[in-house]
Every structure is written in C-alpha cells, then in structure tokens.
C-alpha cells in the first residue's frame, strides 16, 4: 500500500485523540497543581459530561446544531458546579488529606457511576454531530524527485473531527490565558506555590480550591461533549480517559499544564500512528512503556518542577 496517505490519516486521527486527551488531562493537571489532590473521579466527570450532552440534545428536539451548542455551553458549567459542590462538602471537610482524598474521590466515582446507571441506563447512546461533511486528505509524493500533492479517493476525515481539533486548541489557549493573564490565574498560581503564604496574604484559598476543582472537572466534561458525537455516551466510559489522563500527567510532570499538553500530543499521535499501522493494543503497551521510561530516567516528568 502507499505509505503517504495512510500516514496522513494516522496523524489526523492521532491529532483528534491528542486534542481530547489534552483537554481531559489539563483538567487533572490543574487540580493536582493547585490543590495537590489526586482526583480519581476525574473520569466520571468526563462520563457525566457525555451523558448530560445526550440529555441536553434530546431536550433540544430535532435540531442537532441547537442541541450541540446548548450542550457545549451548559454541560461543562453544570459538571463544574457539581465538582465544586463535591469539593466544598467532602474534600474541604477532610482538609485535603492525600490518603483520605483518594478514598473520597473513589467513593465519588462509584456514586456518580451508579446514579448514572440508575437514571440513564446501561445502553450506549449516540449524539448526532452538528455537521459531518467529509474532507479528502492530501498527501505529498516526492518518490520521483518531483513534488506532487494528491487527494487520494477514499481517504478522508470529517469536518466535525477537524472542528474538535480546532476547538481544543482554542480552549487550551484560553486556559493558558486564564492562568497567565488574569487575576484568578495569579491567585491560583500563588496558592499552588505556597498555600500558607497565600492564606497569610488574605487569598481565599478554599474558594480558589473549589474553582480549580470545578474548572478541572469542567474541562473533562467539555472534552466529553466534543467527543460524544464520535463515541457514544455510556455510563462506563470514564475508565479509559482517567487512565490515559494519569499517564499524560505523569509523563508531562505532575501539575504541569504545558507538560500535560506536550505529553498528550506524544501519546495521541503515537496512538493514532501505531493503531493504524499495527494495533490499538500495541499503542496502549507503548504508552505504558513510555510511562515506565519516564519514571526511571526523569521522575519529575518532561516538564515537571519537582515541587512537593
């Protein structure tokens, strides 16, 4: 087979995986960076985003565009508010103790999962994409020494997948702007650097924690809303995003947003290329080996600072 067009297809599918993974893992990295909390329920907030997106699109009626836009605007806010409520009612009361926080978020995971099962059911349900035109993928051939651009018949990507990649880039740029250009971002970074000093300067640390926890969950829910027209909503779909997010955060460096984005690109692109040319199982094995390699040779991660 011709290598060029299939490589382009693998890169585009890998970019889609990387975009969704970067959104999900950035939320997990944000929570750990600001709060030093390992949120085991992060995958269930992703799942909740997908399920609520299905509910919203059903309530919106027959217009896929209207339903999707409503889900895109409403669902991350609802999930973020729920996560902030969990922070204020559970995590705050156990004083963010690392061991008890893990147990508490595991309990939150099972509560969200079982409540979703009782209300939503065990079925996987699709969400119609707002648009789905197919776009041919070009590739470059220089085998005879002449540069030629081809659009091979049958190899294409949908316009919605390109939208997901673009939307993820815009959201990540917005998150970076929030953390570096706004007062809220400054307060989050101050809290991350030294919680006790932030308290001494009158920063409302508890409120910052609730906002960070809600924002991290909202990022996961937004990623789910974007991907659910491609993957059906299901009450057990939170496991893979949680595992991959932990892999990305470990590789990128605990609490590092740039590291999470870089690691998501590496894992996503390698997953797309290895899955197309070999097998999805081999792609998961590669990700696991990459984590082991990073832990052995660079325990702080690719972009980690080594802060306690």
Protein backbone atom coordinates (compact mmCIF):
# COMPACT_ATOMS: atom_id res chain seq x y z
CA UNK A 1 0.00 0.00 0.00
CA UNK A 2 1.04 3.62 -0.43
CA UNK A 3 2.55 4.82 2.83
CA UNK A 4 1.89 8.56 2.44
CA UNK A 5 -1.92 8.77 2.54
CA UNK A 6 -2.26 6.31 5.40
CA UNK A 7 0.34 8.19 7.40
CA UNK A 8 -1.68 11.39 6.91
CA UNK A 9 -4.82 9.58 8.08
CA UNK A 10 -2.98 8.24 11.14
CA UNK A 11 -1.66 11.71 12.01
CA UNK A 12 -5.13 13.25 11.79
CA UNK A 13 -6.70 10.52 13.94
CA UNK A 14 -3.83 10.89 16.39
CA UNK A 15 -4.35 14.65 16.49
CA UNK A 16 -8.01 14.08 17.36
CA UNK A 17 -7.06 11.74 20.21
CA UNK A 18 -4.41 14.20 21.40
CA UNK A 19 -6.87 17.11 21.37
CA UNK A 20 -9.44 15.37 23.55
CA UNK A 21 -6.76 13.90 25.80
CA UNK A 22 -5.10 17.30 26.24
CA UNK A 23 -8.38 18.81 27.44
CA UNK A 24 -9.07 15.97 29.86
CA UNK A 25 -5.51 15.72 31.20
CA UNK A 26 -5.18 19.50 31.56
CA UNK A 27 -8.12 19.46 33.96
CA UNK A 28 -6.47 16.72 36.02
CA UNK A 29 -3.11 18.54 35.98
CA UNK A 30 -4.79 21.79 37.03
CA UNK A 31 -6.44 20.15 40.05
CA UNK A 32 -3.23 18.48 41.16
CA UNK A 33 -1.12 21.55 40.51
CA UNK A 34 -3.28 23.95 42.51
CA UNK A 35 -4.68 21.63 45.20
CA UNK A 36 -2.22 18.71 45.34
CA UNK A 37 -5.28 16.46 45.06
CA UNK A 38 -5.35 13.19 43.09
CA UNK A 39 -8.88 13.22 41.67
CA UNK A 40 -9.73 9.58 40.98
CA UNK A 41 -13.27 10.66 39.99
CA UNK A 42 -11.98 12.73 37.06
CA UNK A 43 -13.01 10.08 34.53
CA UNK A 44 -16.55 10.05 35.90
CA UNK A 45 -16.86 13.79 35.38
CA UNK A 46 -15.88 13.06 31.76
CA UNK A 47 -18.57 10.37 31.60
CA UNK A 48 -21.11 12.70 33.16
CA UNK A 49 -20.34 15.31 30.52
CA UNK A 50 -21.10 12.82 27.74
CA UNK A 51 -24.32 11.59 29.35
CA UNK A 52 -25.57 15.11 30.07
CA UNK A 53 -24.74 16.08 26.49
CA UNK A 54 -27.07 13.30 25.33
CA UNK A 55 -29.81 14.54 27.70
CA UNK A 56 -29.48 18.13 26.53
CA UNK A 57 -29.58 17.20 22.85
CA UNK A 58 -32.71 15.13 23.47
CA UNK A 59 -34.39 18.03 25.29
CA UNK A 60 -33.44 20.41 22.47
CA UNK A 61 -35.52 18.47 19.96
CA UNK A 62 -34.70 17.65 16.38
CA UNK A 63 -32.00 20.25 15.60
CA UNK A 64 -28.52 18.68 16.02
CA UNK A 65 -26.83 22.10 15.81
CA UNK A 66 -29.00 23.67 18.52
CA UNK A 67 -28.70 20.65 20.79
CA UNK A 68 -24.93 20.51 20.40
CA UNK A 69 -24.47 24.23 21.05
CA UNK A 70 -26.64 24.02 24.18
CA UNK A 71 -24.67 21.01 25.42
CA UNK A 72 -21.37 22.75 24.69
CA UNK A 73 -22.39 25.81 26.72
CA UNK A 74 -24.41 24.23 29.54
CA UNK A 75 -22.88 20.82 30.33
CA UNK A 76 -19.33 21.91 31.36
CA UNK A 77 -20.85 24.55 33.66
CA UNK A 78 -23.19 22.01 35.29
CA UNK A 79 -20.42 19.45 35.80
CA UNK A 80 -18.07 22.15 37.11
CA UNK A 81 -20.68 23.30 39.63
CA UNK A 82 -21.22 19.70 40.76
CA UNK A 83 -17.46 19.24 41.20
CA UNK A 84 -17.19 22.47 43.20
CA UNK A 85 -20.03 21.19 45.41
CA UNK A 86 -18.12 17.93 45.95
CA UNK A 87 -15.05 19.93 46.92
CA UNK A 88 -16.90 22.11 49.44
CA UNK A 89 -18.93 19.32 51.01
CA UNK A 90 -16.40 16.45 51.04
CA UNK A 91 -12.79 17.36 50.29
CA UNK A 92 -12.84 20.53 52.38
CA UNK A 93 -14.16 18.62 55.40
CA UNK A 94 -11.29 16.13 55.29
CA UNK A 95 -8.81 19.02 54.92
CA UNK A 96 -7.49 17.66 51.58
CA UNK A 97 -5.55 14.91 53.32
CA UNK A 98 -3.88 12.93 50.48
CA UNK A 99 -4.91 9.44 51.60
CA UNK A 100 -8.46 10.35 52.60
CA UNK A 101 -8.87 12.44 49.43
CA UNK A 102 -8.12 9.40 47.26
CA UNK A 103 -10.69 7.36 49.18
CA UNK A 104 -13.24 10.17 48.96
CA UNK A 105 -12.82 10.59 45.20
CA UNK A 106 -13.07 6.83 44.70
CA UNK A 107 -16.37 6.97 46.59
CA UNK A 108 -17.46 9.89 44.41
CA UNK A 109 -16.57 7.83 41.35
CA UNK A 110 -18.88 4.97 42.35
CA UNK A 111 -21.70 7.30 43.39
CA UNK A 112 -21.64 9.14 40.04
CA UNK A 113 -21.37 5.89 38.12
CA UNK A 114 -24.22 4.12 39.89
CA UNK A 115 -26.55 7.14 39.90
CA UNK A 116 -25.95 7.46 36.15
CA UNK A 117 -26.72 3.75 35.69
CA UNK A 118 -29.99 4.07 37.61
CA UNK A 119 -31.14 7.21 35.77
CA UNK A 120 -29.61 6.86 32.31
CA UNK A 121 -29.47 3.09 31.94
CA UNK A 122 -26.79 0.69 30.67
CA UNK A 123 -27.25 1.44 26.98
CA UNK A 124 -24.67 3.30 24.87
CA UNK A 125 -26.48 6.15 23.12
CA UNK A 126 -25.31 8.30 20.18
CA UNK A 127 -25.35 12.07 19.83
CA UNK A 128 -25.77 13.41 16.29
CA UNK A 129 -22.88 15.65 15.16
CA UNK A 130 -23.89 19.20 14.21
CA UNK A 131 -22.14 18.80 10.84
CA UNK A 132 -20.34 15.87 9.28
CA UNK A 133 -19.09 16.65 5.76
CA UNK A 134 -16.19 14.53 4.54
CA UNK A 135 -12.94 16.24 3.53
CA UNK A 136 -10.34 14.43 1.41
CA UNK A 137 -6.90 14.16 2.99
CA UNK A 138 -4.00 15.37 0.82
CA UNK A 139 -0.55 13.85 0.87
CA UNK A 140 2.79 14.75 -0.66
CA UNK A 141 4.65 12.41 -3.01
CA UNK A 142 8.33 13.02 -3.85
CA UNK A 143 9.23 9.48 -4.88
CA UNK A 144 10.35 10.52 -8.37
CA UNK A 145 12.04 13.72 -7.23
CA UNK A 146 9.09 15.92 -8.17
CA UNK A 147 6.83 17.45 -5.54
CA UNK A 148 3.22 16.41 -6.14
CA UNK A 149 0.15 16.93 -3.97
CA UNK A 150 -2.51 14.20 -4.15
CA UNK A 151 -6.05 13.85 -2.90
CA UNK A 152 -6.48 10.05 -2.96
CA UNK A 153 -10.01 8.70 -3.34
CA UNK A 154 -11.46 7.10 -0.22
CA UNK A 155 -9.12 8.61 2.40
CA UNK A 156 -10.89 11.43 4.19
CA UNK A 157 -11.74 12.93 7.58
CA UNK A 158 -14.99 14.50 8.68
CA UNK A 159 -15.33 18.23 9.15
CA UNK A 160 -16.52 17.60 12.71
CA UNK A 161 -13.26 15.92 13.66
CA UNK A 162 -11.35 18.92 12.35
CA UNK A 163 -13.67 21.13 14.42
CA UNK A 164 -12.85 19.13 17.57
CA UNK A 165 -9.12 19.60 16.99
CA UNK A 166 -9.55 23.33 16.41
CA UNK A 167 -11.93 23.79 19.37
CA UNK A 168 -9.49 22.00 21.70
CA UNK A 169 -6.67 24.32 20.59
CA UNK A 170 -8.85 27.39 21.27
CA UNK A 171 -9.91 26.13 24.72
CA UNK A 172 -6.34 25.27 25.73
CA UNK A 173 -5.20 28.72 24.61
CA UNK A 174 -8.00 30.20 26.71
CA UNK A 175 -6.91 28.15 29.73
CA UNK A 176 -3.33 29.33 29.30
CA UNK A 177 -4.55 32.93 29.08
CA UNK A 178 -6.65 32.45 32.21
CA UNK A 179 -3.69 31.12 34.18
CA UNK A 180 -1.16 33.70 32.98
CA UNK A 181 -3.11 36.89 32.20
CA UNK A 182 -5.91 37.15 34.78
CA UNK A 183 -6.18 37.86 38.49
CA UNK A 184 -7.83 34.48 39.07
CA UNK A 185 -4.89 32.76 37.41
CA UNK A 186 -2.49 34.75 39.56
CA UNK A 187 -4.34 33.68 42.70
CA UNK A 188 -4.28 30.05 41.56
CA UNK A 189 -0.56 30.19 40.91
CA UNK A 190 0.08 31.85 44.26
CA UNK A 191 -1.94 29.15 46.01
CA UNK A 192 -0.04 26.49 44.10
CA UNK A 193 3.34 27.93 45.10
CA UNK A 194 2.68 28.34 48.84
CA UNK A 195 -0.71 27.72 50.41
CA UNK A 196 0.25 29.08 53.83
CA UNK A 197 1.69 32.29 52.42
CA UNK A 198 -1.40 32.73 50.25
CA UNK A 199 -3.58 32.45 53.36
CA UNK A 200 -1.37 34.98 55.14
CA UNK A 201 -1.92 37.47 52.31
CA UNK A 202 -5.68 37.07 52.53
CA UNK A 203 -6.22 34.94 49.42
CA UNK A 204 -9.46 32.91 49.81
CA UNK A 205 -7.74 29.56 49.36
CA UNK A 206 -10.88 27.48 49.95
CA UNK A 207 -12.71 29.37 47.22
CA UNK A 208 -9.72 29.03 44.88
CA UNK A 209 -9.71 25.28 45.54
CA UNK A 210 -13.42 25.00 44.70
CA UNK A 211 -12.92 26.99 41.48
CA UNK A 212 -9.90 24.89 40.46
CA UNK A 213 -11.69 21.61 41.17
CA UNK A 214 -14.76 22.77 39.26
CA UNK A 215 -12.66 24.07 36.36
CA UNK A 216 -10.75 20.80 36.10
CA UNK A 217 -13.98 18.78 36.01
CA UNK A 218 -15.48 21.24 33.53
CA UNK A 219 -12.51 20.68 31.20
CA UNK A 220 -13.14 16.93 31.30
CA UNK A 221 -16.87 17.46 30.64
CA UNK A 222 -16.08 19.78 27.71
CA UNK A 223 -13.81 17.12 26.20
CA UNK A 224 -16.65 14.61 26.55
CA UNK A 225 -19.17 16.91 24.87
CA UNK A 226 -16.79 17.31 21.93
CA UNK A 227 -16.09 13.59 21.55
CA UNK A 228 -19.55 12.13 22.22
CA UNK A 229 -20.77 12.63 18.61
CA UNK A 230 -17.89 10.32 17.64
CA UNK A 231 -18.04 7.94 20.64
CA UNK A 232 -21.41 7.03 22.12
CA UNK A 233 -22.30 8.06 25.67
CA UNK A 234 -22.12 5.20 28.19
CA UNK A 235 -22.06 5.05 31.97
CA UNK A 236 -18.77 3.08 31.97
CA UNK A 237 -16.88 5.32 29.54
CA UNK A 238 -14.89 7.14 32.23
CA UNK A 239 -12.25 4.47 32.76
CA UNK A 240 -10.07 4.99 29.68
CA UNK A 241 -9.96 8.83 29.92
CA UNK A 242 -8.95 8.56 33.59
CA UNK A 243 -6.16 6.07 32.87
CA UNK A 244 -4.83 8.00 29.87
CA UNK A 245 -5.03 11.29 31.78
CA UNK A 246 -2.93 9.85 34.59
CA UNK A 247 -0.42 8.58 32.02
CA UNK A 248 -0.24 12.02 30.41
CA UNK A 249 0.10 13.86 33.74
CA UNK A 250 2.88 11.51 34.88
CA UNK A 251 4.79 11.87 31.60
CA UNK A 252 4.29 15.64 31.41
CA UNK A 253 5.10 16.30 35.05
CA UNK A 254 2.69 16.41 37.98
CA UNK A 255 0.69 19.62 37.94
CA UNK A 256 2.31 21.00 34.77
CA UNK A 257 -0.17 22.25 32.15
CA UNK A 258 2.47 22.64 29.38
CA UNK A 259 3.77 19.17 30.23
CA UNK A 260 0.26 17.70 30.05
CA UNK A 261 -0.30 19.22 26.60
CA UNK A 262 3.10 18.02 25.33
CA UNK A 263 2.54 14.51 26.69
CA UNK A 264 -0.99 14.41 25.22
CA UNK A 265 0.46 15.22 21.79
CA UNK A 266 3.06 12.46 22.14
CA UNK A 267 0.56 9.85 23.36
CA UNK A 268 -2.20 10.89 20.96
CA UNK A 269 -0.06 10.95 17.82
CA UNK A 270 1.71 7.71 18.70
CA UNK A 271 -1.68 6.11 19.43
CA UNK A 272 -3.03 7.17 16.03
CA UNK A 273 0.02 6.03 14.07
CA UNK A 274 0.53 2.72 15.91
CA UNK A 275 -3.21 1.91 15.82
CA UNK A 276 -3.44 2.47 12.05
CA UNK A 277 -0.28 0.58 11.07
CA UNK A 278 -0.18 -2.08 13.83
CA UNK A 279 -2.88 -2.45 16.50
CA UNK A 280 -4.60 -0.39 19.23
CA UNK A 281 -3.32 -2.85 21.85
CA UNK A 282 0.27 -2.15 20.84
CA UNK A 283 -0.43 1.57 21.17
CA UNK A 284 -1.55 1.10 24.80
CA UNK A 285 1.53 -1.02 25.51
CA UNK A 286 3.72 1.75 24.09
CA UNK A 287 2.06 4.34 26.35
CA UNK A 288 2.64 2.15 29.41
CA UNK A 289 6.30 1.58 28.50
CA UNK A 290 6.72 5.31 27.93
CA UNK A 291 5.47 5.97 31.48
CA UNK A 292 7.97 3.42 32.87
CA UNK A 293 10.77 5.02 30.85
CA UNK A 294 9.93 8.49 32.15
CA UNK A 295 9.65 7.31 35.76
CA UNK A 296 13.07 5.64 35.56
CA UNK A 297 15.04 8.33 33.69
CA UNK A 298 13.13 11.53 34.50
CA UNK A 299 10.94 11.05 37.59
CA UNK A 300 9.84 14.72 37.54
CA UNK A 301 8.31 14.26 34.08
CA UNK A 302 9.13 16.03 30.83
CA UNK A 303 8.10 19.44 32.20
CA UNK A 304 8.00 18.77 35.93
CA UNK A 305 9.44 21.10 38.54
CA UNK A 306 9.77 18.60 41.33
CA UNK A 307 7.78 20.64 43.82
CA UNK A 308 6.43 18.67 46.80
